[in-house]
Amino acid sequence: MPMSDKAMSVFRLLNRSPKDADGWVKTSAQIMSAVIPHLPHELIDVERNESGGGRVRLTDKGNTLKDYI
């Protein structure tokens, strides 16, 4: 199933964002609720914290896809 334009934009943004040593990107509650739901779950790992924010990283499939977009 192809990704929507919004999902593709979010994926590219996530790929460009600063990451920690394990590949995690810190995200705010606003990003978690407005943006992350548009990405296919098989492409990202998500960890939420008690404030609604959290962190996101690409899965193995997501890392493979980033090389082609």
C-alpha atoms as a PDB file:
ATOM      1  CA  MET A   1       0.000   0.000   0.000  1.00  0.00           C
ATOM      2  CA  PRO A   2       1.512   3.356  -0.995  1.00  0.00           C
ATOM      3  CA  MET A   3       2.060   6.026   1.644  1.00  0.00           C
ATOM      4  CA  SER A   4       0.083   9.248   1.486  1.00  0.00           C
ATOM      5  CA  ASP A   5       1.869  12.519   0.723  1.00  0.00           C
ATOM      6  CA  LYS A   6       1.543  13.536   4.379  1.00  0.00           C
ATOM      7  CA  ALA A   7       3.019  10.241   5.578  1.00  0.00           C
ATOM      8  CA  MET A   8       5.899  10.584   3.128  1.00  0.00           C
ATOM      9  CA  SER A   9       6.610  14.137   4.363  1.00  0.00           C
ATOM     10  CA  VAL A  10       6.555  12.981   7.989  1.00  0.00           C
ATOM     11  CA  PHE A  11       8.841  10.061   7.160  1.00  0.00           C
ATOM     12  CA  ARG A  12      11.355  12.386   5.487  1.00  0.00           C
ATOM     13  CA  LEU A  13      11.199  14.804   8.428  1.00  0.00           C
ATOM     14  CA  LEU A  14      11.807  11.978  10.885  1.00  0.00           C
ATOM     15  CA  ASN A  15      14.730  10.783   8.789  1.00  0.00           C
ATOM     16  CA  ARG A  16      16.324  14.289   8.831  1.00  0.00           C
ATOM     17  CA  SER A  17      15.798  14.906  12.562  1.00  0.00           C
ATOM     18  CA  PRO A  18      18.647  14.651  15.094  1.00  0.00           C
ATOM     19  CA  LYS A  19      18.851  11.178  16.618  1.00  0.00           C
ATOM     20  CA  ASP A  20      20.473   9.748  19.728  1.00  0.00           C
ATOM     21  CA  ALA A  21      22.992   6.897  19.558  1.00  0.00           C
ATOM     22  CA  ASP A  22      20.228   4.285  19.234  1.00  0.00           C
ATOM     23  CA  GLY A  23      18.408   6.136  16.444  1.00  0.00           C
ATOM     24  CA  TRP A  24      15.609   7.599  18.600  1.00  0.00           C
ATOM     25  CA  VAL A  25      14.145  11.041  17.836  1.00  0.00           C
ATOM     26  CA  LYS A  26      12.512  12.957  20.703  1.00  0.00           C
ATOM     27  CA  THR A  27       9.001  14.131  19.868  1.00  0.00           C
ATOM     28  CA  SER A  28       6.517  16.423  21.570  1.00  0.00           C
ATOM     29  CA  ALA A  29       2.947  15.537  22.476  1.00  0.00           C
ATOM     30  CA  GLN A  30       1.732  17.639  19.536  1.00  0.00           C
ATOM     31  CA  ILE A  31       3.854  15.686  17.067  1.00  0.00           C
ATOM     32  CA  MET A  32       2.823  12.373  18.593  1.00  0.00           C
ATOM     33  CA  SER A  33      -0.878  13.142  18.266  1.00  0.00           C
ATOM     34  CA  ALA A  34      -0.899  15.032  14.950  1.00  0.00           C
ATOM     35  CA  VAL A  35       1.830  13.457  12.861  1.00  0.00           C
ATOM     36  CA  ILE A  36       2.901  10.004  14.014  1.00  0.00           C
ATOM     37  CA  PRO A  37      -0.522   8.369  13.374  1.00  0.00           C
ATOM     38  CA  HIS A  38      -0.021   9.008   9.639  1.00  0.00           C
ATOM     39  CA  LEU A  39       3.007   6.710   9.409  1.00  0.00           C
ATOM     40  CA  PRO A  40       2.641   2.969   8.852  1.00  0.00           C
ATOM     41  CA  HIS A  41       3.381   1.163  12.123  1.00  0.00           C
ATOM     42  CA  GLU A  42       5.691  -1.327  10.433  1.00  0.00           C
ATOM     43  CA  LEU A  43       8.095   1.540   9.614  1.00  0.00           C
ATOM     44  CA  ILE A  44       8.457   3.087  13.089  1.00  0.00           C
ATOM     45  CA  ASP A  45       8.858   2.173  16.752  1.00  0.00           C
ATOM     46  CA  VAL A  46       7.090   4.543  19.152  1.00  0.00           C
ATOM     47  CA  GLU A  47       7.595   5.013  22.886  1.00  0.00           C
ATOM     48  CA  ARG A  48       5.251   7.448  24.634  1.00  0.00           C
ATOM     49  CA  ASN A  49       5.903   9.130  27.964  1.00  0.00           C
ATOM     50  CA  GLU A  50       3.441  10.314  30.613  1.00  0.00           C
ATOM     51  CA  SER A  51       3.247  13.846  29.147  1.00  0.00           C
ATOM     52  CA  GLY A  52       2.049  12.555  25.757  1.00  0.00           C
ATOM     53  CA  GLY A  53       5.375  13.091  24.008  1.00  0.00           C
ATOM     54  CA  GLY A  54       8.020  10.465  23.623  1.00  0.00           C
ATOM     55  CA  ARG A  55      10.421   9.171  21.063  1.00  0.00           C
ATOM     56  CA  VAL A  56      10.302   7.521  17.652  1.00  0.00           C
ATOM     57  CA  ARG A  57      12.786   5.569  15.554  1.00  0.00           C
ATOM     58  CA  LEU A  58      12.748   3.784  12.239  1.00  0.00           C
ATOM     59  CA  THR A  59      12.374   0.006  12.203  1.00  0.00           C
ATOM     60  CA  ASP A  60      14.524  -2.187   9.961  1.00  0.00           C
ATOM     61  CA  LYS A  61      11.906  -1.784   7.211  1.00  0.00           C
ATOM     62  CA  GLY A  62      11.887   1.992   7.757  1.00  0.00           C
ATOM     63  CA  ASN A  63      15.670   2.145   7.504  1.00  0.00           C
ATOM     64  CA  THR A  64      15.555   0.166   4.263  1.00  0.00           C
ATOM     65  CA  LEU A  65      12.895   2.469   2.802  1.00  0.00           C
ATOM     66  CA  LYS A  66      14.785   5.680   3.696  1.00  0.00           C
ATOM     67  CA  ASP A  67      17.528   4.734   1.250  1.00  0.00           C
ATOM     68  CA  TYR A  68      15.032   4.832  -1.628  1.00  0.00           C
ATOM     69  CA  ILE A  69      13.085   8.016  -0.968  1.00  0.00           C
END
